[in-house]
N, C-alpha and C. Protein backbone atom coordinates (compact mmCIF):
# COMPACT_ATOMS: atom_id res chain seq x y z
N MET A 1 27.51 0.87 15.77
CA MET A 1 26.96 -0.48 15.74
C MET A 1 27.95 -1.50 15.20
N GLY A 2 28.96 -1.06 14.48
CA GLY A 2 29.92 -1.98 13.89
C GLY A 2 31.00 -2.35 14.88
N SER A 3 31.66 -3.47 14.63
CA SER A 3 32.77 -3.89 15.46
C SER A 3 33.73 -4.72 14.63
N HIS A 4 34.95 -4.85 15.13
CA HIS A 4 35.98 -5.67 14.55
C HIS A 4 36.21 -5.38 13.06
N LEU A 5 36.88 -4.26 12.78
CA LEU A 5 37.27 -3.92 11.42
C LEU A 5 38.54 -4.69 11.10
N SER A 6 38.56 -5.36 9.96
CA SER A 6 39.71 -6.14 9.55
C SER A 6 40.06 -5.82 8.11
N LYS A 7 41.35 -5.70 7.82
CA LYS A 7 41.81 -5.38 6.47
C LYS A 7 42.66 -6.54 5.98
N GLU A 8 42.37 -7.00 4.79
CA GLU A 8 43.11 -8.07 4.14
C GLU A 8 43.48 -7.60 2.73
N PRO A 9 44.46 -8.22 2.09
CA PRO A 9 44.77 -7.81 0.71
C PRO A 9 43.55 -8.02 -0.21
N GLY A 10 43.05 -6.95 -0.79
CA GLY A 10 41.93 -7.03 -1.72
C GLY A 10 40.57 -6.72 -1.12
N TYR A 11 40.47 -6.71 0.21
CA TYR A 11 39.17 -6.43 0.84
C TYR A 11 39.35 -6.07 2.31
N SER A 12 38.30 -5.53 2.87
CA SER A 12 38.22 -5.31 4.31
C SER A 12 36.82 -5.76 4.73
N PHE A 13 36.66 -6.02 6.02
CA PHE A 13 35.33 -6.40 6.49
C PHE A 13 35.16 -5.95 7.93
N HIS A 14 33.89 -5.82 8.30
CA HIS A 14 33.56 -5.55 9.69
C HIS A 14 32.27 -6.26 10.06
N LEU A 15 32.13 -6.51 11.34
CA LEU A 15 30.94 -7.16 11.87
C LEU A 15 29.98 -6.07 12.34
N VAL A 16 28.71 -6.31 12.14
CA VAL A 16 27.69 -5.38 12.63
C VAL A 16 26.66 -6.17 13.43
N ASN A 17 26.12 -5.51 14.44
CA ASN A 17 25.07 -6.14 15.25
C ASN A 17 23.84 -6.36 14.39
N ILE A 18 23.08 -7.36 14.73
CA ILE A 18 21.82 -7.63 14.05
C ILE A 18 20.75 -6.83 14.79
N ASP A 19 20.46 -5.64 14.30
CA ASP A 19 19.54 -4.73 14.99
C ASP A 19 18.15 -5.31 15.21
N CYS A 20 17.65 -6.10 14.27
CA CYS A 20 16.29 -6.60 14.42
C CYS A 20 16.20 -7.76 15.41
N LEU A 21 17.34 -8.30 15.82
CA LEU A 21 17.37 -9.40 16.81
C LEU A 21 18.30 -8.98 17.95
N ARG A 22 17.86 -8.06 18.75
CA ARG A 22 18.72 -7.46 19.78
C ARG A 22 19.32 -8.49 20.74
N SER A 23 18.66 -9.61 20.96
CA SER A 23 19.19 -10.61 21.90
C SER A 23 20.16 -11.57 21.21
N SER A 24 20.35 -11.45 19.91
CA SER A 24 21.22 -12.36 19.17
C SER A 24 22.69 -12.13 19.53
N THR A 25 23.42 -13.21 19.62
CA THR A 25 24.87 -13.11 19.82
C THR A 25 25.61 -13.20 18.50
N ASP A 26 24.88 -13.37 17.40
CA ASP A 26 25.48 -13.42 16.07
C ASP A 26 25.58 -12.02 15.48
N PHE A 27 26.36 -11.93 14.42
CA PHE A 27 26.59 -10.67 13.72
C PHE A 27 26.32 -10.87 12.24
N ASN A 28 26.28 -9.77 11.53
CA ASN A 28 26.33 -9.79 10.07
C ASN A 28 27.69 -9.25 9.67
N VAL A 29 28.18 -9.71 8.53
CA VAL A 29 29.47 -9.24 8.02
C VAL A 29 29.21 -8.35 6.82
N VAL A 30 29.92 -7.24 6.77
CA VAL A 30 29.93 -6.39 5.58
C VAL A 30 31.37 -6.40 5.08
N MET A 31 31.55 -6.94 3.89
CA MET A 31 32.86 -7.08 3.28
C MET A 31 32.95 -6.10 2.11
N ASP A 32 33.90 -5.18 2.17
CA ASP A 32 34.10 -4.20 1.09
C ASP A 32 35.25 -4.65 0.21
N LEU A 33 34.97 -4.75 -1.09
CA LEU A 33 35.99 -5.19 -2.05
C LEU A 33 36.75 -3.98 -2.58
N GLU A 34 38.07 -4.11 -2.71
CA GLU A 34 38.88 -3.01 -3.24
C GLU A 34 38.61 -2.79 -4.73
N GLU A 35 38.39 -3.87 -5.46
CA GLU A 35 38.11 -3.77 -6.89
C GLU A 35 36.68 -4.24 -7.15
N PRO A 36 35.87 -3.44 -7.84
CA PRO A 36 34.50 -3.87 -8.17
C PRO A 36 34.50 -5.14 -9.03
N ILE A 37 33.48 -5.95 -8.85
CA ILE A 37 33.38 -7.22 -9.57
C ILE A 37 32.11 -7.30 -10.41
N GLU A 38 31.55 -6.16 -10.76
CA GLU A 38 30.29 -6.14 -11.49
C GLU A 38 30.34 -7.02 -12.74
N ASP A 39 31.45 -6.99 -13.46
CA ASP A 39 31.59 -7.80 -14.68
C ASP A 39 31.63 -9.29 -14.39
N LEU A 40 31.98 -9.68 -13.15
CA LEU A 40 32.06 -11.10 -12.79
C LEU A 40 30.75 -11.67 -12.27
N LEU A 41 29.77 -10.81 -11.94
CA LEU A 41 28.54 -11.31 -11.31
C LEU A 41 27.87 -12.43 -12.12
N PRO A 42 27.72 -12.32 -13.45
CA PRO A 42 27.08 -13.43 -14.18
C PRO A 42 27.89 -14.73 -14.12
N TYR A 43 29.20 -14.62 -14.00
CA TYR A 43 30.06 -15.80 -13.92
C TYR A 43 30.03 -16.39 -12.51
N LEU A 44 30.04 -15.52 -11.51
CA LEU A 44 29.91 -15.99 -10.13
C LEU A 44 28.58 -16.70 -9.92
N ALA A 45 27.51 -16.13 -10.48
CA ALA A 45 26.19 -16.75 -10.35
C ALA A 45 26.19 -18.15 -10.94
N ALA A 46 26.92 -18.34 -12.03
CA ALA A 46 27.00 -19.66 -12.64
C ALA A 46 27.84 -20.61 -11.80
N ALA A 47 28.83 -20.08 -11.10
CA ALA A 47 29.76 -20.93 -10.35
C ALA A 47 29.30 -21.23 -8.93
N LEU A 48 28.34 -20.45 -8.41
CA LEU A 48 27.88 -20.65 -7.04
C LEU A 48 26.57 -21.42 -7.04
N PRO A 49 26.59 -22.70 -6.65
CA PRO A 49 25.37 -23.50 -6.65
C PRO A 49 24.27 -22.87 -5.81
N GLY A 50 23.09 -22.83 -6.37
CA GLY A 50 21.93 -22.35 -5.64
C GLY A 50 21.79 -20.85 -5.55
N SER A 51 22.65 -20.14 -6.26
CA SER A 51 22.52 -18.69 -6.19
C SER A 51 21.37 -18.22 -7.07
N SER A 52 20.79 -17.10 -6.69
CA SER A 52 19.78 -16.49 -7.54
C SER A 52 20.35 -15.18 -8.05
N PHE A 53 20.17 -14.94 -9.33
CA PHE A 53 20.73 -13.76 -9.97
C PHE A 53 19.84 -13.40 -11.14
N VAL A 54 19.41 -12.16 -11.15
CA VAL A 54 18.64 -11.65 -12.27
C VAL A 54 19.55 -10.63 -12.95
N PRO A 55 20.00 -10.93 -14.16
CA PRO A 55 20.90 -9.99 -14.84
C PRO A 55 20.32 -8.57 -14.84
N GLY A 56 21.19 -7.64 -14.57
CA GLY A 56 20.79 -6.24 -14.53
C GLY A 56 20.49 -5.73 -13.13
N THR A 57 20.33 -6.63 -12.15
CA THR A 57 20.01 -6.19 -10.80
C THR A 57 21.26 -5.84 -9.99
N GLY A 58 22.39 -6.40 -10.37
CA GLY A 58 23.63 -6.10 -9.65
C GLY A 58 23.79 -6.83 -8.33
N VAL A 59 23.04 -7.91 -8.13
CA VAL A 59 23.18 -8.66 -6.87
C VAL A 59 22.95 -10.15 -7.11
N ILE A 60 23.77 -10.94 -6.44
CA ILE A 60 23.60 -12.39 -6.37
C ILE A 60 23.18 -12.69 -4.94
N ASN A 61 22.18 -13.52 -4.77
CA ASN A 61 21.75 -13.96 -3.44
C ASN A 61 21.88 -15.46 -3.35
N LEU A 62 22.28 -15.94 -2.19
CA LEU A 62 22.31 -17.38 -1.97
C LEU A 62 22.25 -17.66 -0.48
N VAL A 63 21.87 -18.88 -0.17
CA VAL A 63 21.89 -19.38 1.19
C VAL A 63 22.90 -20.50 1.22
N SER A 64 23.83 -20.42 2.16
CA SER A 64 24.86 -21.44 2.27
C SER A 64 25.20 -21.65 3.74
N ALA A 65 25.11 -22.87 4.19
CA ALA A 65 25.44 -23.25 5.57
C ALA A 65 24.76 -22.35 6.59
N GLY A 66 23.50 -22.01 6.33
CA GLY A 66 22.73 -21.20 7.27
C GLY A 66 22.94 -19.70 7.16
N HIS A 67 23.79 -19.26 6.25
CA HIS A 67 24.05 -17.83 6.05
C HIS A 67 23.32 -17.36 4.79
N ILE A 68 22.75 -16.17 4.86
CA ILE A 68 22.21 -15.52 3.66
C ILE A 68 23.31 -14.61 3.15
N ILE A 69 23.68 -14.78 1.90
CA ILE A 69 24.80 -14.04 1.34
C ILE A 69 24.31 -13.19 0.17
N GLY A 70 24.70 -11.94 0.18
CA GLY A 70 24.42 -11.02 -0.91
C GLY A 70 25.74 -10.57 -1.51
N ILE A 71 25.90 -10.77 -2.81
CA ILE A 71 27.14 -10.37 -3.48
C ILE A 71 26.80 -9.25 -4.44
N TYR A 72 27.41 -8.09 -4.22
CA TYR A 72 27.19 -6.89 -5.01
C TYR A 72 28.50 -6.54 -5.73
N ALA A 73 28.46 -5.51 -6.55
CA ALA A 73 29.64 -5.11 -7.33
C ALA A 73 30.84 -4.77 -6.45
N SER A 74 30.62 -4.15 -5.31
CA SER A 74 31.74 -3.71 -4.46
C SER A 74 31.64 -4.21 -3.02
N GLN A 75 30.67 -5.07 -2.74
CA GLN A 75 30.44 -5.48 -1.36
C GLN A 75 29.81 -6.86 -1.30
N ILE A 76 30.10 -7.57 -0.21
CA ILE A 76 29.44 -8.85 0.09
C ILE A 76 28.91 -8.75 1.51
N THR A 77 27.67 -9.20 1.70
CA THR A 77 27.09 -9.25 3.04
C THR A 77 26.80 -10.70 3.40
N ILE A 78 27.05 -11.04 4.66
CA ILE A 78 26.85 -12.41 5.13
C ILE A 78 26.15 -12.33 6.49
N THR A 79 25.05 -13.05 6.63
CA THR A 79 24.28 -13.01 7.88
C THR A 79 24.69 -14.12 8.84
N LEU A 80 24.30 -13.94 10.08
CA LEU A 80 24.41 -14.94 11.15
C LEU A 80 25.82 -15.52 11.30
N VAL A 81 26.76 -14.63 11.56
CA VAL A 81 28.16 -15.01 11.76
C VAL A 81 28.44 -14.97 13.26
N ALA A 82 29.06 -16.02 13.77
CA ALA A 82 29.26 -16.16 15.21
C ALA A 82 30.26 -15.17 15.80
N GLY A 83 31.22 -14.73 15.02
CA GLY A 83 32.23 -13.82 15.56
C GLY A 83 33.30 -13.52 14.54
N PRO A 84 34.36 -12.83 14.97
CA PRO A 84 35.42 -12.40 14.04
C PRO A 84 36.11 -13.56 13.31
N GLU A 85 36.32 -14.68 13.99
CA GLU A 85 37.01 -15.80 13.35
C GLU A 85 36.19 -16.37 12.20
N GLU A 86 34.90 -16.58 12.46
CA GLU A 86 34.04 -17.10 11.39
C GLU A 86 33.90 -16.06 10.28
N GLY A 87 33.79 -14.80 10.63
CA GLY A 87 33.72 -13.73 9.64
C GLY A 87 34.96 -13.73 8.74
N ALA A 88 36.14 -13.83 9.35
CA ALA A 88 37.39 -13.85 8.58
C ALA A 88 37.44 -15.06 7.65
N ARG A 89 37.01 -16.21 8.17
CA ARG A 89 37.03 -17.44 7.35
C ARG A 89 36.09 -17.31 6.15
N LEU A 90 34.86 -16.85 6.39
CA LEU A 90 33.89 -16.72 5.31
C LEU A 90 34.33 -15.69 4.28
N CYS A 91 34.83 -14.56 4.73
CA CYS A 91 35.31 -13.54 3.78
C CYS A 91 36.46 -14.09 2.95
N GLY A 92 37.36 -14.80 3.59
CA GLY A 92 38.47 -15.42 2.85
C GLY A 92 37.97 -16.41 1.81
N GLU A 93 36.97 -17.21 2.18
CA GLU A 93 36.41 -18.19 1.24
C GLU A 93 35.77 -17.50 0.04
N TYR A 94 35.00 -16.44 0.28
CA TYR A 94 34.34 -15.76 -0.84
C TYR A 94 35.32 -14.97 -1.69
N PHE A 95 36.36 -14.42 -1.08
CA PHE A 95 37.37 -13.73 -1.88
C PHE A 95 38.12 -14.74 -2.75
N THR A 96 38.38 -15.92 -2.22
CA THR A 96 39.02 -16.99 -3.00
C THR A 96 38.12 -17.41 -4.16
N LYS A 97 36.81 -17.51 -3.92
CA LYS A 97 35.87 -17.87 -4.98
C LYS A 97 35.88 -16.81 -6.08
N ILE A 98 35.94 -15.54 -5.70
CA ILE A 98 36.00 -14.47 -6.69
C ILE A 98 37.26 -14.59 -7.53
N ARG A 99 38.40 -14.79 -6.89
CA ARG A 99 39.67 -14.95 -7.63
C ARG A 99 39.61 -16.16 -8.55
N ASP A 100 39.04 -17.27 -8.06
CA ASP A 100 38.94 -18.48 -8.87
C ASP A 100 38.08 -18.24 -10.11
N VAL A 101 36.94 -17.59 -9.93
CA VAL A 101 36.05 -17.31 -11.07
C VAL A 101 36.74 -16.36 -12.04
N ARG A 102 37.43 -15.37 -11.52
CA ARG A 102 38.16 -14.45 -12.40
C ARG A 102 39.19 -15.22 -13.24
N ASN A 103 39.88 -16.16 -12.62
CA ASN A 103 40.89 -16.95 -13.32
C ASN A 103 40.30 -17.95 -14.30
N ARG A 104 39.10 -18.43 -14.04
CA ARG A 104 38.45 -19.44 -14.90
C ARG A 104 37.34 -18.86 -15.76
N LYS A 105 37.23 -17.57 -15.84
CA LYS A 105 36.12 -16.89 -16.50
C LYS A 105 35.85 -17.43 -17.91
N GLU A 106 36.88 -17.73 -18.64
CA GLU A 106 36.72 -18.21 -20.02
C GLU A 106 36.10 -19.61 -20.08
N GLU A 107 36.17 -20.34 -18.99
CA GLU A 107 35.63 -21.71 -18.93
C GLU A 107 34.18 -21.75 -18.44
N ILE A 108 33.67 -20.63 -17.96
CA ILE A 108 32.36 -20.59 -17.32
C ILE A 108 31.33 -19.95 -18.24
N THR A 109 30.18 -20.59 -18.36
CA THR A 109 29.07 -20.01 -19.13
C THR A 109 28.31 -19.10 -18.17
N PRO A 110 28.31 -17.79 -18.42
CA PRO A 110 27.66 -16.86 -17.49
C PRO A 110 26.14 -16.98 -17.49
N VAL A 111 25.54 -16.59 -16.41
CA VAL A 111 24.09 -16.54 -16.31
C VAL A 111 23.63 -15.27 -17.02
N ARG A 112 22.86 -15.44 -18.08
CA ARG A 112 22.39 -14.29 -18.85
C ARG A 112 20.89 -14.10 -18.79
N GLU A 113 20.19 -15.04 -18.14
CA GLU A 113 18.74 -14.91 -17.99
C GLU A 113 18.32 -15.43 -16.63
N ARG A 114 17.17 -15.00 -16.22
CA ARG A 114 16.65 -15.39 -14.90
C ARG A 114 16.39 -16.89 -14.86
N ARG A 115 16.83 -17.52 -13.78
CA ARG A 115 16.56 -18.95 -13.57
C ARG A 115 15.18 -19.11 -12.96
N PRO A 116 14.55 -20.25 -13.18
CA PRO A 116 13.25 -20.47 -12.51
C PRO A 116 13.45 -20.49 -11.01
N GLY A 117 12.60 -19.80 -10.28
CA GLY A 117 12.73 -19.74 -8.84
C GLY A 117 12.38 -21.07 -8.18
N LEU A 118 12.99 -21.33 -7.06
CA LEU A 118 12.73 -22.54 -6.29
C LEU A 118 12.49 -22.12 -4.85
N THR A 119 11.43 -22.64 -4.27
CA THR A 119 11.13 -22.31 -2.87
C THR A 119 11.08 -23.58 -2.04
N LEU A 120 11.12 -23.38 -0.75
CA LEU A 120 10.98 -24.49 0.17
C LEU A 120 9.63 -25.18 -0.06
N MET A 121 8.60 -24.40 -0.35
CA MET A 121 7.26 -24.98 -0.59
C MET A 121 7.25 -25.87 -1.83
N ASP A 122 8.03 -25.54 -2.85
CA ASP A 122 8.12 -26.40 -4.03
C ASP A 122 8.59 -27.79 -3.62
N ILE A 123 9.58 -27.83 -2.75
CA ILE A 123 10.13 -29.11 -2.29
C ILE A 123 9.12 -29.82 -1.40
N LEU A 124 8.52 -29.10 -0.47
CA LEU A 124 7.55 -29.70 0.45
C LEU A 124 6.37 -30.31 -0.30
N ARG A 125 5.90 -29.66 -1.35
CA ARG A 125 4.76 -30.19 -2.12
C ARG A 125 5.06 -31.56 -2.73
N ALA A 126 6.32 -31.86 -2.98
CA ALA A 126 6.68 -33.14 -3.58
C ALA A 126 6.84 -34.25 -2.54
N LEU A 127 6.82 -33.90 -1.28
CA LEU A 127 6.99 -34.89 -0.22
C LEU A 127 5.63 -35.43 0.21
N PRO A 128 5.62 -36.62 0.82
CA PRO A 128 4.34 -37.26 1.16
C PRO A 128 3.60 -36.59 2.32
N LYS A 129 4.28 -35.78 3.12
CA LYS A 129 3.68 -35.10 4.28
C LYS A 129 3.08 -36.07 5.29
N THR A 130 3.75 -37.19 5.46
CA THR A 130 3.32 -38.20 6.43
C THR A 130 4.13 -38.12 7.72
N ASN A 131 5.23 -37.36 7.69
CA ASN A 131 6.11 -37.23 8.86
C ASN A 131 6.56 -38.59 9.37
N CYS A 132 6.90 -39.49 8.44
CA CYS A 132 7.24 -40.87 8.79
C CYS A 132 8.61 -40.99 9.46
N GLY A 133 9.50 -40.03 9.25
CA GLY A 133 10.82 -40.08 9.87
C GLY A 133 11.85 -40.90 9.13
N SER A 134 11.50 -41.48 8.00
CA SER A 134 12.46 -42.30 7.24
C SER A 134 13.68 -41.50 6.78
N CYS A 135 13.50 -40.20 6.65
CA CYS A 135 14.59 -39.31 6.23
C CYS A 135 15.46 -38.88 7.41
N GLU A 136 15.08 -39.33 8.62
CA GLU A 136 15.74 -39.00 9.87
C GLU A 136 15.42 -37.59 10.37
N GLU A 137 14.34 -37.00 9.86
CA GLU A 137 13.84 -35.73 10.36
C GLU A 137 12.47 -35.98 10.98
N ALA A 138 12.10 -35.15 11.93
CA ALA A 138 10.82 -35.33 12.63
C ALA A 138 9.62 -35.05 11.73
N THR A 139 9.78 -34.11 10.80
CA THR A 139 8.65 -33.75 9.93
C THR A 139 9.12 -33.59 8.49
N CYS A 140 8.18 -33.68 7.59
CA CYS A 140 8.49 -33.44 6.17
C CYS A 140 8.92 -31.99 5.95
N THR A 141 8.34 -31.08 6.73
CA THR A 141 8.72 -29.67 6.60
C THR A 141 10.18 -29.47 7.00
N ALA A 142 10.61 -30.10 8.09
CA ALA A 142 12.01 -29.99 8.52
C ALA A 142 12.93 -30.58 7.46
N PHE A 143 12.52 -31.69 6.87
CA PHE A 143 13.33 -32.31 5.81
C PHE A 143 13.39 -31.41 4.58
N ALA A 144 12.26 -30.83 4.18
CA ALA A 144 12.23 -29.93 3.02
C ALA A 144 13.18 -28.75 3.25
N ALA A 145 13.20 -28.24 4.48
CA ALA A 145 14.10 -27.12 4.81
C ALA A 145 15.56 -27.53 4.67
N LYS A 146 15.89 -28.74 5.11
CA LYS A 146 17.27 -29.23 4.96
C LYS A 146 17.64 -29.39 3.49
N VAL A 147 16.72 -29.89 2.69
CA VAL A 147 16.98 -30.04 1.26
C VAL A 147 17.18 -28.66 0.63
N PHE A 148 16.30 -27.72 0.98
CA PHE A 148 16.39 -26.36 0.43
C PHE A 148 17.73 -25.71 0.77
N ARG A 149 18.23 -25.95 1.99
CA ARG A 149 19.51 -25.38 2.43
C ARG A 149 20.70 -26.21 1.97
N ARG A 150 20.45 -27.27 1.20
CA ARG A 150 21.50 -28.15 0.67
C ARG A 150 22.21 -28.95 1.77
N GLU A 151 21.47 -29.26 2.81
CA GLU A 151 22.03 -30.03 3.91
C GLU A 151 21.63 -31.50 3.82
N ALA A 152 20.74 -31.83 2.89
CA ALA A 152 20.30 -33.22 2.69
C ALA A 152 19.85 -33.38 1.24
N PRO A 153 20.07 -34.56 0.68
CA PRO A 153 19.57 -34.79 -0.68
C PRO A 153 18.09 -35.18 -0.66
N LEU A 154 17.37 -34.78 -1.67
CA LEU A 154 15.95 -35.12 -1.78
C LEU A 154 15.77 -36.64 -1.81
N SER A 155 16.75 -37.34 -2.32
CA SER A 155 16.67 -38.80 -2.41
C SER A 155 16.68 -39.48 -1.04
N ALA A 156 16.92 -38.74 0.05
CA ALA A 156 16.87 -39.33 1.39
C ALA A 156 15.44 -39.63 1.83
N CYS A 157 14.47 -39.18 1.05
CA CYS A 157 13.06 -39.49 1.35
C CYS A 157 12.66 -40.70 0.50
N PRO A 158 12.48 -41.87 1.11
CA PRO A 158 12.12 -43.06 0.33
C PRO A 158 10.80 -42.89 -0.43
N ALA A 159 9.83 -42.22 0.16
CA ALA A 159 8.53 -42.03 -0.52
C ALA A 159 8.70 -41.16 -1.76
N PHE A 160 9.55 -40.14 -1.69
CA PHE A 160 9.81 -39.31 -2.88
C PHE A 160 10.48 -40.15 -3.95
N THR A 161 11.48 -40.92 -3.55
CA THR A 161 12.22 -41.74 -4.51
C THR A 161 11.30 -42.71 -5.24
N GLU A 162 10.33 -43.29 -4.54
CA GLU A 162 9.38 -44.22 -5.14
C GLU A 162 8.49 -43.53 -6.18
N ASN A 163 8.21 -42.25 -5.98
CA ASN A 163 7.32 -41.50 -6.88
C ASN A 163 8.07 -40.43 -7.68
N ARG A 164 9.34 -40.59 -7.83
CA ARG A 164 10.21 -39.60 -8.46
C ARG A 164 9.71 -39.18 -9.85
N SER A 165 9.23 -40.10 -10.62
CA SER A 165 8.83 -39.80 -12.00
C SER A 165 7.71 -38.76 -12.07
N ARG A 166 6.94 -38.62 -10.98
CA ARG A 166 5.85 -37.62 -10.96
C ARG A 166 6.36 -36.21 -10.69
N HIS A 167 7.66 -36.09 -10.42
CA HIS A 167 8.20 -34.80 -10.00
C HIS A 167 9.35 -34.31 -10.89
N GLU A 168 9.29 -34.64 -12.16
CA GLU A 168 10.36 -34.24 -13.09
C GLU A 168 10.49 -32.73 -13.19
N ALA A 169 9.37 -32.00 -13.11
CA ALA A 169 9.43 -30.53 -13.20
C ALA A 169 10.20 -29.96 -12.00
N LEU A 170 9.95 -30.50 -10.82
CA LEU A 170 10.69 -30.04 -9.64
C LEU A 170 12.17 -30.35 -9.79
N LEU A 171 12.49 -31.55 -10.23
CA LEU A 171 13.89 -31.93 -10.38
C LEU A 171 14.59 -31.05 -11.41
N ALA A 172 13.90 -30.71 -12.48
CA ALA A 172 14.49 -29.81 -13.48
C ALA A 172 14.73 -28.42 -12.89
N LYS A 173 13.77 -27.95 -12.09
CA LYS A 173 13.92 -26.63 -11.45
C LYS A 173 15.10 -26.66 -10.46
N MET A 174 15.22 -27.76 -9.72
CA MET A 174 16.33 -27.88 -8.78
C MET A 174 17.65 -27.90 -9.53
N ALA A 175 17.73 -28.65 -10.61
CA ALA A 175 18.97 -28.72 -11.39
C ALA A 175 19.33 -27.34 -11.95
N ALA A 176 18.32 -26.60 -12.41
CA ALA A 176 18.55 -25.25 -12.96
C ALA A 176 19.06 -24.30 -11.88
N ASN A 177 18.79 -24.62 -10.62
CA ASN A 177 19.24 -23.79 -9.51
C ASN A 177 20.49 -24.34 -8.83
N GLY A 178 21.15 -25.27 -9.50
CA GLY A 178 22.45 -25.75 -9.02
C GLY A 178 22.40 -26.85 -7.98
N TYR A 179 21.24 -27.46 -7.75
CA TYR A 179 21.16 -28.58 -6.81
C TYR A 179 21.68 -29.83 -7.49
N GLU A 180 22.31 -30.69 -6.72
CA GLU A 180 22.71 -32.00 -7.22
C GLU A 180 21.45 -32.85 -7.33
N VAL A 181 21.13 -33.32 -8.51
CA VAL A 181 19.95 -34.15 -8.73
C VAL A 181 20.42 -35.45 -9.34
N ALA A 182 20.41 -36.50 -8.51
CA ALA A 182 20.89 -37.80 -8.99
C ALA A 182 19.85 -38.48 -9.87
């Protein structure tokens, strides 16, 4: 089921078919690290905006640019990759992030406790649900999804901005999860 094995200094990766979506032309990437990074996971979690990490679980999860990423002690998985070029680029980016965190470890406050969870529904509940289009999305649900994926700021909704003071708990939860909250 795997294809396109690639070896780079410090890691190797291969693409695998998405078995549950047989008609998909996208792949998942499995990146194997030469050196385990278990000791860096709390620091990576702090440095990667929007990541979820529960100390002791050995995995960081995040959604970035439409990809679901799992970072483990010796492996990284990335979903919905278009092909070998995108796979190589993403693996290179995450390997660079690991090296950067390793080099800046002393400057980073590691994640030592579970962050409050944030869901798309948390964001949607704060929106007016009028589907007015002021945010340039057809529906409030579509806009909430873009905010959740970090593709749009919550402040792009004028109705939310007008009632912002009623949603301080949501804003605090978003900030705790690495979202930019103006």
